[in-house]
Amino acid sequence: MASSPRSPPPAPTPEFEISRQSRLFAALSKKVIDLDELRMLAAQGVPDAAGVRATVWKLLLGYLPNDRSLWEQELAKKRAQYAAFKDEFLRNPCSEIMEQIDRDVKRTHPDMHFFCGDSSFAKSNQESLKNVLLIFAKLNAGIRYVQGMNEILAPLFFVFRSDPDDKNAKFAEADSFFCFVELLSGFRDNFCQKLDNSAVGIRGTLAKLSQLVATYDGELQHHLEVTTEVNPQFYAFRWITLLLTQEFNFADIIHIWDTLLSDPDGPQETLLRICCAMLILVRKRLLAGDFTSNLKLLQNYPPTNISHLLYVANKLQ
């Protein structure tokens, strides 16, 4: 009997994990990488022990071409281009944007020594985040810098800076910049204030989430939005614009992003399914709750089994 979306999937066995890891290595070692196969494998989560997440994410974001023989020249070209951007844009940074970026970067994952503290390592990582965000703001005058972009950059930079291959790790800043641009291109409309009330802006995205919840659980959607008047903008605005980076611990965020980045059409559809699954997993508490308790629950989402959450989200396709 097939398990229902709400019942957890069986836990993967160690043998399954080893086989998944070996399939991932096999997929990455081909001369020309089959991106459909890579997406399918990565969507189930990239094994942490494999040390290949940085490469997988760069491929999923289109930063690395799928032809391995082109990697070296492509990386050299992009990294040289980033060095030129630094040279051009960091000489006279706009102080107003710089102050805001500086404030936000200092608040990025304050519980992690990687991002925070007095160590030279943390300080150099903060400097890299600031550089990327400032250059992005200078190159994208229509959006510039919007609060929260630091939270989206952080997982990319962490994964690339933690690459076991030192040759790549030292170029984490440049690689993060281009992957950040690519990632944001898929949902930059959410950051554009002019589009806030349009069908393509954040309001249109929140309406899509509402429709999705109504499709899979009409009772829950009615209770939330009609009975208790907890509209998606009260909680899901942050979920969506910050790609869930504020709702879970960092290790879980990385796992969720393996799945988000595997969507061939960009992260938006998968993100909405995960948001819908988050509501379904706490539906009992939501159906028993009023405006205040439901808002509190959704603005401080409880710890959850991420594999189960992604399993439920996958069932909503």
C-alpha atoms as a PDB file:
ATOM      1  CA  MET A   1       0.000   0.000   0.000  1.00  0.00           C
ATOM      2  CA  ALA A   2       1.405   3.440  -0.910  1.00  0.00           C
ATOM      3  CA  SER A   3       1.967   5.717   2.053  1.00  0.00           C
ATOM      4  CA  SER A   4      -0.171   8.864   2.203  1.00  0.00           C
ATOM      5  CA  PRO A   5       1.555  12.232   1.817  1.00  0.00           C
ATOM      6  CA  ARG A   6       1.311  12.790   5.571  1.00  0.00           C
ATOM      7  CA  SER A   7       2.895   9.506   6.617  1.00  0.00           C
ATOM      8  CA  PRO A   8       6.689   9.606   6.697  1.00  0.00           C
ATOM      9  CA  PRO A   9       8.656   7.689   4.075  1.00  0.00           C
ATOM     10  CA  PRO A  10      10.789   4.792   5.283  1.00  0.00           C
ATOM     11  CA  ALA A  11      14.193   5.985   6.513  1.00  0.00           C
ATOM     12  CA  PRO A  12      16.947   5.400   3.937  1.00  0.00           C
ATOM     13  CA  THR A  13      19.268   2.533   4.807  1.00  0.00           C
ATOM     14  CA  PRO A  14      23.076   3.042   4.952  1.00  0.00           C
ATOM     15  CA  GLU A  15      23.310   0.860   1.840  1.00  0.00           C
ATOM     16  CA  PHE A  16      20.900   3.160  -0.003  1.00  0.00           C
ATOM     17  CA  GLU A  17      22.941   6.218   1.036  1.00  0.00           C
ATOM     18  CA  ILE A  18      26.181   4.607  -0.251  1.00  0.00           C
ATOM     19  CA  SER A  19      24.492   3.665  -3.519  1.00  0.00           C
ATOM     20  CA  ARG A  20      23.116   7.226  -3.902  1.00  0.00           C
ATOM     21  CA  GLN A  21      26.585   8.628  -3.269  1.00  0.00           C
ATOM     22  CA  SER A  22      28.169   6.322  -5.828  1.00  0.00           C
ATOM     23  CA  ARG A  23      25.489   7.200  -8.405  1.00  0.00           C
ATOM     24  CA  LEU A  24      26.215  10.888  -7.801  1.00  0.00           C
ATOM     25  CA  PHE A  25      29.955  10.346  -8.283  1.00  0.00           C
ATOM     26  CA  ALA A  26      29.253   8.360 -11.464  1.00  0.00           C
ATOM     27  CA  ALA A  27      27.001  11.142 -12.796  1.00  0.00           C
ATOM     28  CA  LEU A  28      29.671  13.778 -12.091  1.00  0.00           C
ATOM     29  CA  SER A  29      32.505  11.802 -13.642  1.00  0.00           C
ATOM     30  CA  LYS A  30      30.960  11.663 -17.136  1.00  0.00           C
ATOM     31  CA  LYS A  31      32.647  13.777 -19.816  1.00  0.00           C
ATOM     32  CA  VAL A  32      29.322  15.455 -20.514  1.00  0.00           C
ATOM     33  CA  ILE A  33      27.107  15.498 -17.458  1.00  0.00           C
ATOM     34  CA  ASP A  34      23.448  14.547 -17.883  1.00  0.00           C
ATOM     35  CA  LEU A  35      21.751  17.428 -16.038  1.00  0.00           C
ATOM     36  CA  ASP A  36      18.387  15.643 -15.824  1.00  0.00           C
ATOM     37  CA  GLU A  37      20.051  12.731 -14.044  1.00  0.00           C
ATOM     38  CA  LEU A  38      21.991  15.098 -11.784  1.00  0.00           C
ATOM     39  CA  ARG A  39      18.811  17.003 -10.863  1.00  0.00           C
ATOM     40  CA  MET A  40      17.018  13.778 -10.022  1.00  0.00           C
ATOM     41  CA  LEU A  41      19.867  12.628  -7.744  1.00  0.00           C
ATOM     42  CA  ALA A  42      20.440  16.034  -6.127  1.00  0.00           C
ATOM     43  CA  ALA A  43      16.722  16.544  -5.456  1.00  0.00           C
ATOM     44  CA  GLN A  44      16.934  13.683  -2.944  1.00  0.00           C
ATOM     45  CA  GLY A  45      19.722  15.540  -1.126  1.00  0.00           C
ATOM     46  CA  VAL A  46      23.463  15.598  -1.799  1.00  0.00           C
ATOM     47  CA  PRO A  47      25.282  13.394   0.754  1.00  0.00           C
ATOM     48  CA  ASP A  48      27.344  15.699   3.015  1.00  0.00           C
ATOM     49  CA  ALA A  49      30.217  13.235   3.198  1.00  0.00           C
ATOM     50  CA  ALA A  50      30.717  13.232  -0.565  1.00  0.00           C
ATOM     51  CA  GLY A  51      32.367  16.681  -0.673  1.00  0.00           C
ATOM     52  CA  VAL A  52      30.754  17.406  -4.037  1.00  0.00           C
ATOM     53  CA  ARG A  53      27.924  19.763  -3.121  1.00  0.00           C
ATOM     54  CA  ALA A  54      29.803  22.859  -4.355  1.00  0.00           C
ATOM     55  CA  THR A  55      30.262  21.281  -7.798  1.00  0.00           C
ATOM     56  CA  VAL A  56      26.672  20.012  -7.909  1.00  0.00           C
ATOM     57  CA  TRP A  57      25.222  23.435  -7.044  1.00  0.00           C
ATOM     58  CA  LYS A  58      27.410  25.181  -9.648  1.00  0.00           C
ATOM     59  CA  LEU A  59      26.117  22.761 -12.281  1.00  0.00           C
ATOM     60  CA  LEU A  60      22.481  23.091 -11.179  1.00  0.00           C
ATOM     61  CA  LEU A  61      22.741  26.894 -11.357  1.00  0.00           C
ATOM     62  CA  GLY A  62      24.296  26.778 -14.822  1.00  0.00           C
ATOM     63  CA  TYR A  63      27.555  28.335 -13.637  1.00  0.00           C
ATOM     64  CA  LEU A  64      29.535  25.287 -14.755  1.00  0.00           C
ATOM     65  CA  PRO A  65      28.813  23.953 -18.268  1.00  0.00           C
ATOM     66  CA  ASN A  66      27.808  20.297 -18.413  1.00  0.00           C
ATOM     67  CA  ASP A  67      30.877  19.577 -20.592  1.00  0.00           C
ATOM     68  CA  ARG A  68      33.701  18.959 -18.102  1.00  0.00           C
ATOM     69  CA  SER A  69      36.408  19.839 -20.624  1.00  0.00           C
ATOM     70  CA  LEU A  70      35.180  23.470 -20.577  1.00  0.00           C
ATOM     71  CA  TRP A  71      35.266  23.900 -16.796  1.00  0.00           C
ATOM     72  CA  GLU A  72      38.779  25.237 -16.448  1.00  0.00           C
ATOM     73  CA  GLN A  73      38.534  27.945 -19.101  1.00  0.00           C
ATOM     74  CA  GLU A  74      35.002  28.919 -18.039  1.00  0.00           C
ATOM     75  CA  LEU A  75      36.017  29.322 -14.383  1.00  0.00           C
ATOM     76  CA  ALA A  76      39.163  31.271 -15.321  1.00  0.00           C
ATOM     77  CA  LYS A  77      37.082  33.639 -17.470  1.00  0.00           C
ATOM     78  CA  LYS A  78      34.380  34.229 -14.828  1.00  0.00           C
ATOM     79  CA  ARG A  79      36.858  34.672 -11.991  1.00  0.00           C
ATOM     80  CA  ALA A  80      38.849  37.212 -14.026  1.00  0.00           C
ATOM     81  CA  GLN A  81      35.615  39.047 -14.808  1.00  0.00           C
ATOM     82  CA  TYR A  82      34.759  39.213 -11.095  1.00  0.00           C
ATOM     83  CA  ALA A  83      38.236  40.551 -10.295  1.00  0.00           C
ATOM     84  CA  ALA A  84      37.569  43.329 -12.836  1.00  0.00           C
ATOM     85  CA  PHE A  85      34.195  44.099 -11.174  1.00  0.00           C
ATOM     86  CA  LYS A  86      35.943  44.420  -7.810  1.00  0.00           C
ATOM     87  CA  ASP A  87      38.483  46.740  -9.300  1.00  0.00           C
ATOM     88  CA  GLU A  88      35.804  48.910 -10.871  1.00  0.00           C
ATOM     89  CA  PHE A  89      33.060  48.988  -8.240  1.00  0.00           C
ATOM     90  CA  LEU A  90      34.738  48.714  -4.843  1.00  0.00           C
ATOM     91  CA  ARG A  91      36.886  51.816  -5.156  1.00  0.00           C
ATOM     92  CA  ASN A  92      34.068  54.275  -4.417  1.00  0.00           C
ATOM     93  CA  PRO A  93      31.218  52.334  -2.802  1.00  0.00           C
ATOM     94  CA  CYS A  94      27.995  54.259  -2.161  1.00  0.00           C
ATOM     95  CA  SER A  95      28.099  54.826   1.590  1.00  0.00           C
ATOM     96  CA  GLU A  96      24.337  54.552   2.157  1.00  0.00           C
ATOM     97  CA  ILE A  97      24.081  51.076   0.583  1.00  0.00           C
ATOM     98  CA  MET A  98      27.382  50.102   2.178  1.00  0.00           C
ATOM     99  CA  GLU A  99      26.040  50.893   5.663  1.00  0.00           C
ATOM    100  CA  GLN A 100      22.910  48.808   5.128  1.00  0.00           C
ATOM    101  CA  ILE A 101      24.865  45.872   3.682  1.00  0.00           C
ATOM    102  CA  ASP A 102      27.362  46.108   6.540  1.00  0.00           C
ATOM    103  CA  ARG A 103      24.567  46.012   9.154  1.00  0.00           C
ATOM    104  CA  ASP A 104      22.846  43.032   7.523  1.00  0.00           C
ATOM    105  CA  VAL A 105      26.032  41.029   6.961  1.00  0.00           C
ATOM    106  CA  LYS A 106      26.924  41.395  10.665  1.00  0.00           C
ATOM    107  CA  ARG A 107      23.535  39.865  11.519  1.00  0.00           C
ATOM    108  CA  THR A 108      23.955  36.870   9.181  1.00  0.00           C
ATOM    109  CA  HIS A 109      23.734  33.594  11.155  1.00  0.00           C
ATOM    110  CA  PRO A 110      25.078  35.047  14.425  1.00  0.00           C
ATOM    111  CA  ASP A 111      25.198  31.519  15.888  1.00  0.00           C
ATOM    112  CA  MET A 112      27.802  30.321  13.359  1.00  0.00           C
ATOM    113  CA  HIS A 113      31.546  30.907  13.757  1.00  0.00           C
ATOM    114  CA  PHE A 114      31.824  30.761   9.975  1.00  0.00           C
ATOM    115  CA  PHE A 115      29.927  34.058   9.660  1.00  0.00           C
ATOM    116  CA  CYS A 116      30.297  35.713  13.045  1.00  0.00           C
ATOM    117  CA  GLY A 117      32.896  36.447  15.690  1.00  0.00           C
ATOM    118  CA  ASP A 118      36.330  38.013  15.930  1.00  0.00           C
ATOM    119  CA  SER A 119      38.311  35.346  14.082  1.00  0.00           C
ATOM    120  CA  SER A 120      40.119  36.469  10.934  1.00  0.00           C
ATOM    121  CA  PHE A 121      38.279  33.648   9.097  1.00  0.00           C
ATOM    122  CA  ALA A 122      34.816  35.012  10.041  1.00  0.00           C
ATOM    123  CA  LYS A 123      35.900  38.581   9.253  1.00  0.00           C
ATOM    124  CA  SER A 124      37.203  37.619   5.808  1.00  0.00           C
ATOM    125  CA  ASN A 125      33.960  35.727   5.114  1.00  0.00           C
ATOM    126  CA  GLN A 126      31.933  38.798   6.096  1.00  0.00           C
ATOM    127  CA  GLU A 127      34.099  40.914   3.809  1.00  0.00           C
ATOM    128  CA  SER A 128      33.380  38.546   0.904  1.00  0.00           C
ATOM    129  CA  LEU A 129      29.617  38.723   1.506  1.00  0.00           C
ATOM    130  CA  LYS A 130      29.796  42.529   1.564  1.00  0.00           C
ATOM    131  CA  ASN A 131      31.802  42.640  -1.677  1.00  0.00           C
ATOM    132  CA  VAL A 132      29.364  40.391  -3.543  1.00  0.00           C
ATOM    133  CA  LEU A 133      26.294  42.315  -2.365  1.00  0.00           C
ATOM    134  CA  LEU A 134      27.818  45.691  -3.159  1.00  0.00           C
ATOM    135  CA  ILE A 135      28.873  44.673  -6.669  1.00  0.00           C
ATOM    136  CA  PHE A 136      25.410  43.164  -7.260  1.00  0.00           C
ATOM    137  CA  ALA A 137      23.780  46.448  -6.147  1.00  0.00           C
ATOM    138  CA  LYS A 138      26.013  48.481  -8.484  1.00  0.00           C
ATOM    139  CA  LEU A 139      25.276  46.223 -11.470  1.00  0.00           C
ATOM    140  CA  ASN A 140      21.510  46.042 -10.819  1.00  0.00           C
ATOM    141  CA  ALA A 141      20.357  49.631 -10.496  1.00  0.00           C
ATOM    142  CA  GLY A 142      16.678  48.605 -10.776  1.00  0.00           C
ATOM    143  CA  ILE A 143      16.834  46.536  -7.600  1.00  0.00           C
ATOM    144  CA  ARG A 144      20.079  47.646  -5.937  1.00  0.00           C
ATOM    145  CA  TYR A 145      20.335  45.977  -2.535  1.00  0.00           C
ATOM    146  CA  VAL A 146      17.260  44.748  -0.668  1.00  0.00           C
ATOM    147  CA  GLN A 147      17.381  43.701   2.963  1.00  0.00           C
ATOM    148  CA  GLY A 148      17.554  39.914   3.211  1.00  0.00           C
ATOM    149  CA  MET A 149      19.700  39.321   0.135  1.00  0.00           C
ATOM    150  CA  ASN A 150      22.530  38.539   2.563  1.00  0.00           C
ATOM    151  CA  GLU A 151      20.498  35.540   3.775  1.00  0.00           C
ATOM    152  CA  ILE A 152      20.207  34.152   0.235  1.00  0.00           C
ATOM    153  CA  LEU A 153      23.892  34.662  -0.468  1.00  0.00           C
ATOM    154  CA  ALA A 154      25.009  32.979   2.773  1.00  0.00           C
ATOM    155  CA  PRO A 155      24.279  29.294   1.871  1.00  0.00           C
ATOM    156  CA  LEU A 156      25.974  29.680  -1.530  1.00  0.00           C
ATOM    157  CA  PHE A 157      29.093  31.248  -0.051  1.00  0.00           C
ATOM    158  CA  PHE A 158      29.226  28.719   2.807  1.00  0.00           C
ATOM    159  CA  VAL A 159      29.032  25.747   0.411  1.00  0.00           C
ATOM    160  CA  PHE A 160      31.630  27.140  -2.002  1.00  0.00           C
ATOM    161  CA  ARG A 161      34.005  28.316   0.744  1.00  0.00           C
ATOM    162  CA  SER A 162      33.761  24.853   2.354  1.00  0.00           C
ATOM    163  CA  ASP A 163      34.697  23.050  -0.877  1.00  0.00           C
ATOM    164  CA  PRO A 164      37.321  20.397   0.047  1.00  0.00           C
ATOM    165  CA  ASP A 165      39.212  21.433  -3.104  1.00  0.00           C
ATOM    166  CA  ASP A 166      41.265  24.429  -1.911  1.00  0.00           C
ATOM    167  CA  LYS A 167      41.746  25.665  -5.486  1.00  0.00           C
ATOM    168  CA  ASN A 168      37.995  26.235  -5.683  1.00  0.00           C
ATOM    169  CA  ALA A 169      37.469  27.313  -2.072  1.00  0.00           C
ATOM    170  CA  LYS A 170      39.750  30.321  -2.512  1.00  0.00           C
ATOM    171  CA  PHE A 171      37.529  31.588  -5.361  1.00  0.00           C
ATOM    172  CA  ALA A 172      34.321  31.179  -3.329  1.00  0.00           C
ATOM    173  CA  GLU A 173      33.588  34.903  -3.499  1.00  0.00           C
ATOM    174  CA  ALA A 174      33.686  35.086  -7.302  1.00  0.00           C
ATOM    175  CA  ASP A 175      31.781  31.819  -7.754  1.00  0.00           C
ATOM    176  CA  SER A 176      29.143  32.919  -5.212  1.00  0.00           C
ATOM    177  CA  PHE A 177      28.624  36.201  -7.042  1.00  0.00           C
ATOM    178  CA  PHE A 178      27.705  34.571 -10.363  1.00  0.00           C
ATOM    179  CA  CYS A 179      25.580  31.847  -8.741  1.00  0.00           C
ATOM    180  CA  PHE A 180      23.792  34.488  -6.627  1.00  0.00           C
ATOM    181  CA  VAL A 181      22.990  36.489  -9.784  1.00  0.00           C
ATOM    182  CA  GLU A 182      21.693  33.319 -11.458  1.00  0.00           C
ATOM    183  CA  LEU A 183      19.601  32.287  -8.463  1.00  0.00           C
ATOM    184  CA  LEU A 184      18.081  35.739  -8.046  1.00  0.00           C
ATOM    185  CA  SER A 185      17.246  35.998 -11.755  1.00  0.00           C
ATOM    186  CA  GLY A 186      14.555  33.335 -11.225  1.00  0.00           C
ATOM    187  CA  PHE A 187      12.621  35.353  -8.668  1.00  0.00           C
ATOM    188  CA  ARG A 188      14.032  38.870  -8.745  1.00  0.00           C
ATOM    189  CA  ASP A 189      10.452  40.143  -9.261  1.00  0.00           C
ATOM    190  CA  ASN A 190       9.836  39.340  -5.587  1.00  0.00           C
ATOM    191  CA  PHE A 191      12.454  41.958  -4.703  1.00  0.00           C
ATOM    192  CA  CYS A 192      11.173  44.625  -7.070  1.00  0.00           C
ATOM    193  CA  GLN A 193       8.886  47.007  -5.174  1.00  0.00           C
ATOM    194  CA  LYS A 194       7.319  48.337  -8.395  1.00  0.00           C
ATOM    195  CA  LEU A 195       5.919  44.840  -9.023  1.00  0.00           C
ATOM    196  CA  ASP A 196       4.666  44.174  -5.476  1.00  0.00           C
ATOM    197  CA  ASN A 197       0.998  44.287  -6.491  1.00  0.00           C
ATOM    198  CA  SER A 198       1.351  42.738  -9.944  1.00  0.00           C
ATOM    199  CA  ALA A 199       0.778  39.122 -10.971  1.00  0.00           C
ATOM    200  CA  VAL A 200       4.531  38.536 -11.256  1.00  0.00           C
ATOM    201  CA  GLY A 201       5.532  40.247  -7.987  1.00  0.00           C
ATOM    202  CA  ILE A 202       5.456  38.836  -4.469  1.00  0.00           C
ATOM    203  CA  ARG A 203       1.695  39.348  -4.139  1.00  0.00           C
ATOM    204  CA  GLY A 204       1.095  37.157  -7.196  1.00  0.00           C
ATOM    205  CA  THR A 205       3.396  34.493  -5.720  1.00  0.00           C
ATOM    206  CA  LEU A 206       1.513  34.534  -2.406  1.00  0.00           C
ATOM    207  CA  ALA A 207      -1.777  34.131  -4.309  1.00  0.00           C
ATOM    208  CA  LYS A 208      -0.306  31.043  -6.011  1.00  0.00           C
ATOM    209  CA  LEU A 209       0.513  29.566  -2.602  1.00  0.00           C
ATOM    210  CA  SER A 210      -3.034  30.223  -1.428  1.00  0.00           C
ATOM    211  CA  GLN A 211      -4.419  28.416  -4.514  1.00  0.00           C
ATOM    212  CA  LEU A 212      -2.058  25.499  -3.958  1.00  0.00           C
ATOM    213  CA  VAL A 213      -3.200  25.058  -0.338  1.00  0.00           C
ATOM    214  CA  ALA A 214      -6.858  25.297  -1.459  1.00  0.00           C
ATOM    215  CA  THR A 215      -6.247  22.568  -4.064  1.00  0.00           C
ATOM    216  CA  TYR A 216      -4.728  20.080  -1.605  1.00  0.00           C
ATOM    217  CA  ASP A 217      -6.485  21.016   1.621  1.00  0.00           C
ATOM    218  CA  GLY A 218      -9.500  23.282   1.145  1.00  0.00           C
ATOM    219  CA  GLU A 219     -10.520  22.956   4.799  1.00  0.00           C
ATOM    220  CA  LEU A 220      -7.128  24.184   5.998  1.00  0.00           C
ATOM    221  CA  GLN A 221      -7.013  27.074   3.516  1.00  0.00           C
ATOM    222  CA  HIS A 222     -10.533  28.209   4.539  1.00  0.00           C
ATOM    223  CA  HIS A 223      -9.747  27.988   8.251  1.00  0.00           C
ATOM    224  CA  LEU A 224      -6.499  29.935   7.847  1.00  0.00           C
ATOM    225  CA  GLU A 225      -7.618  32.680   5.498  1.00  0.00           C
ATOM    226  CA  VAL A 226     -11.350  33.029   6.215  1.00  0.00           C
ATOM    227  CA  THR A 227     -11.995  31.820   9.769  1.00  0.00           C
ATOM    228  CA  THR A 228      -8.809  33.056  11.451  1.00  0.00           C
ATOM    229  CA  GLU A 229      -7.840  35.647   8.793  1.00  0.00           C
ATOM    230  CA  VAL A 230      -4.193  34.524   8.704  1.00  0.00           C
ATOM    231  CA  ASN A 231      -3.267  35.504   5.153  1.00  0.00           C
ATOM    232  CA  PRO A 232      -0.100  34.201   3.459  1.00  0.00           C
ATOM    233  CA  GLN A 233       1.557  37.652   3.489  1.00  0.00           C
ATOM    234  CA  PHE A 234       1.693  37.481   7.313  1.00  0.00           C
ATOM    235  CA  TYR A 235       4.036  34.472   7.297  1.00  0.00           C
ATOM    236  CA  ALA A 236       4.904  33.281   3.772  1.00  0.00           C
ATOM    237  CA  PHE A 237       6.299  36.616   2.567  1.00  0.00           C
ATOM    238  CA  ARG A 238       9.486  35.826   4.487  1.00  0.00           C
ATOM    239  CA  TRP A 239       9.397  32.109   3.608  1.00  0.00           C
ATOM    240  CA  ILE A 240       9.317  32.911  -0.109  1.00  0.00           C
ATOM    241  CA  THR A 241      11.514  36.005  -0.450  1.00  0.00           C
ATOM    242  CA  LEU A 242      14.280  34.507   1.708  1.00  0.00           C
ATOM    243  CA  LEU A 243      14.013  30.939   0.321  1.00  0.00           C
ATOM    244  CA  LEU A 244      13.225  29.508   3.779  1.00  0.00           C
ATOM    245  CA  THR A 245      16.631  30.570   5.156  1.00  0.00           C
ATOM    246  CA  GLN A 246      15.045  31.968   8.343  1.00  0.00           C
ATOM    247  CA  GLU A 247      12.775  29.029   9.146  1.00  0.00           C
ATOM    248  CA  PHE A 248      15.213  26.164   9.732  1.00  0.00           C
ATOM    249  CA  ASN A 249      18.697  25.505  11.071  1.00  0.00           C
ATOM    250  CA  PHE A 250      21.573  25.898   8.631  1.00  0.00           C
ATOM    251  CA  ALA A 251      22.164  22.181   7.943  1.00  0.00           C
ATOM    252  CA  ASP A 252      18.463  21.789   7.112  1.00  0.00           C
ATOM    253  CA  ILE A 253      18.536  24.869   4.850  1.00  0.00           C
ATOM    254  CA  ILE A 254      21.386  23.302   2.845  1.00  0.00           C
ATOM    255  CA  HIS A 255      19.382  20.070   2.483  1.00  0.00           C
ATOM    256  CA  ILE A 256      16.275  22.008   1.343  1.00  0.00           C
ATOM    257  CA  TRP A 257      18.366  23.958  -1.162  1.00  0.00           C
ATOM    258  CA  ASP A 258      19.655  20.725  -2.743  1.00  0.00           C
ATOM    259  CA  THR A 259      16.012  20.157  -3.701  1.00  0.00           C
ATOM    260  CA  LEU A 260      15.200  23.784  -4.582  1.00  0.00           C
ATOM    261  CA  LEU A 261      18.173  24.154  -6.917  1.00  0.00           C
ATOM    262  CA  SER A 262      17.304  20.869  -8.655  1.00  0.00           C
ATOM    263  CA  ASP A 263      14.114  22.291 -10.175  1.00  0.00           C
ATOM    264  CA  PRO A 264      14.832  22.748 -13.913  1.00  0.00           C
ATOM    265  CA  ASP A 265      12.403  25.699 -14.040  1.00  0.00           C
ATOM    266  CA  GLY A 266      14.015  27.554 -11.149  1.00  0.00           C
ATOM    267  CA  PRO A 267      13.227  27.236  -7.454  1.00  0.00           C
ATOM    268  CA  GLN A 268       9.817  28.944  -7.372  1.00  0.00           C
ATOM    269  CA  GLU A 269       7.448  25.996  -7.994  1.00  0.00           C
ATOM    270  CA  THR A 270       9.337  23.662  -5.674  1.00  0.00           C
ATOM    271  CA  LEU A 271       9.485  26.417  -3.053  1.00  0.00           C
ATOM    272  CA  LEU A 272       5.692  26.851  -3.154  1.00  0.00           C
ATOM    273  CA  ARG A 273       5.182  23.100  -2.759  1.00  0.00           C
ATOM    274  CA  ILE A 274       7.496  23.060   0.271  1.00  0.00           C
ATOM    275  CA  CYS A 275       5.593  26.015   1.791  1.00  0.00           C
ATOM    276  CA  CYS A 276       2.310  24.162   1.212  1.00  0.00           C
ATOM    277  CA  ALA A 277       3.788  21.011   2.793  1.00  0.00           C
ATOM    278  CA  MET A 278       4.872  23.080   5.836  1.00  0.00           C
ATOM    279  CA  LEU A 279       1.229  24.042   6.384  1.00  0.00           C
ATOM    280  CA  ILE A 280      -0.038  20.485   5.859  1.00  0.00           C
ATOM    281  CA  LEU A 281       2.440  19.104   8.430  1.00  0.00           C
ATOM    282  CA  VAL A 282       1.043  21.374  11.181  1.00  0.00           C
ATOM    283  CA  ARG A 283      -2.594  21.296   9.994  1.00  0.00           C
ATOM    284  CA  LYS A 284      -3.978  19.792  13.238  1.00  0.00           C
ATOM    285  CA  ARG A 285      -2.525  22.631  15.280  1.00  0.00           C
ATOM    286  CA  LEU A 286      -3.637  25.210  12.708  1.00  0.00           C
ATOM    287  CA  LEU A 287      -7.226  23.885  12.571  1.00  0.00           C
ATOM    288  CA  ALA A 288      -7.401  24.059  16.385  1.00  0.00           C
ATOM    289  CA  GLY A 289      -5.841  27.530  16.492  1.00  0.00           C
ATOM    290  CA  ASP A 290      -7.065  31.126  16.367  1.00  0.00           C
ATOM    291  CA  PHE A 291      -5.452  34.150  14.689  1.00  0.00           C
ATOM    292  CA  THR A 292      -2.847  34.716  17.411  1.00  0.00           C
ATOM    293  CA  SER A 293      -1.733  31.111  17.926  1.00  0.00           C
ATOM    294  CA  ASN A 294      -1.643  30.342  14.194  1.00  0.00           C
ATOM    295  CA  LEU A 295       0.372  33.438  13.399  1.00  0.00           C
ATOM    296  CA  LYS A 296       2.821  32.615  16.183  1.00  0.00           C
ATOM    297  CA  LEU A 297       3.175  29.025  14.964  1.00  0.00           C
ATOM    298  CA  LEU A 298       3.825  30.022  11.338  1.00  0.00           C
ATOM    299  CA  GLN A 299       6.193  32.859  12.159  1.00  0.00           C
ATOM    300  CA  ASN A 300       8.212  30.474  14.367  1.00  0.00           C
ATOM    301  CA  TYR A 301       7.895  27.216  12.459  1.00  0.00           C
ATOM    302  CA  PRO A 302       8.601  24.217  14.736  1.00  0.00           C
ATOM    303  CA  PRO A 303      11.596  21.891  14.207  1.00  0.00           C
ATOM    304  CA  THR A 304      10.645  19.229  11.699  1.00  0.00           C
ATOM    305  CA  ASN A 305      12.047  16.210   9.893  1.00  0.00           C
ATOM    306  CA  ILE A 306      13.316  17.782   6.669  1.00  0.00           C
ATOM    307  CA  SER A 307      13.345  14.521   4.688  1.00  0.00           C
ATOM    308  CA  HIS A 308       9.681  14.047   5.575  1.00  0.00           C
ATOM    309  CA  LEU A 309       8.854  17.668   4.673  1.00  0.00           C
ATOM    310  CA  LEU A 310      10.477  17.261   1.236  1.00  0.00           C
ATOM    311  CA  TYR A 311       8.723  13.912   0.772  1.00  0.00           C
ATOM    312  CA  VAL A 312       5.328  15.556   1.403  1.00  0.00           C
ATOM    313  CA  ALA A 313       6.200  18.463  -0.897  1.00  0.00           C
ATOM    314  CA  ASN A 314       7.184  16.019  -3.654  1.00  0.00           C
ATOM    315  CA  LYS A 315       3.802  14.269  -3.330  1.00  0.00           C
ATOM    316  CA  LEU A 316       2.072  17.577  -4.152  1.00  0.00           C
ATOM    317  CA  GLN A 317       3.285  17.551  -7.770  1.00  0.00           C
END
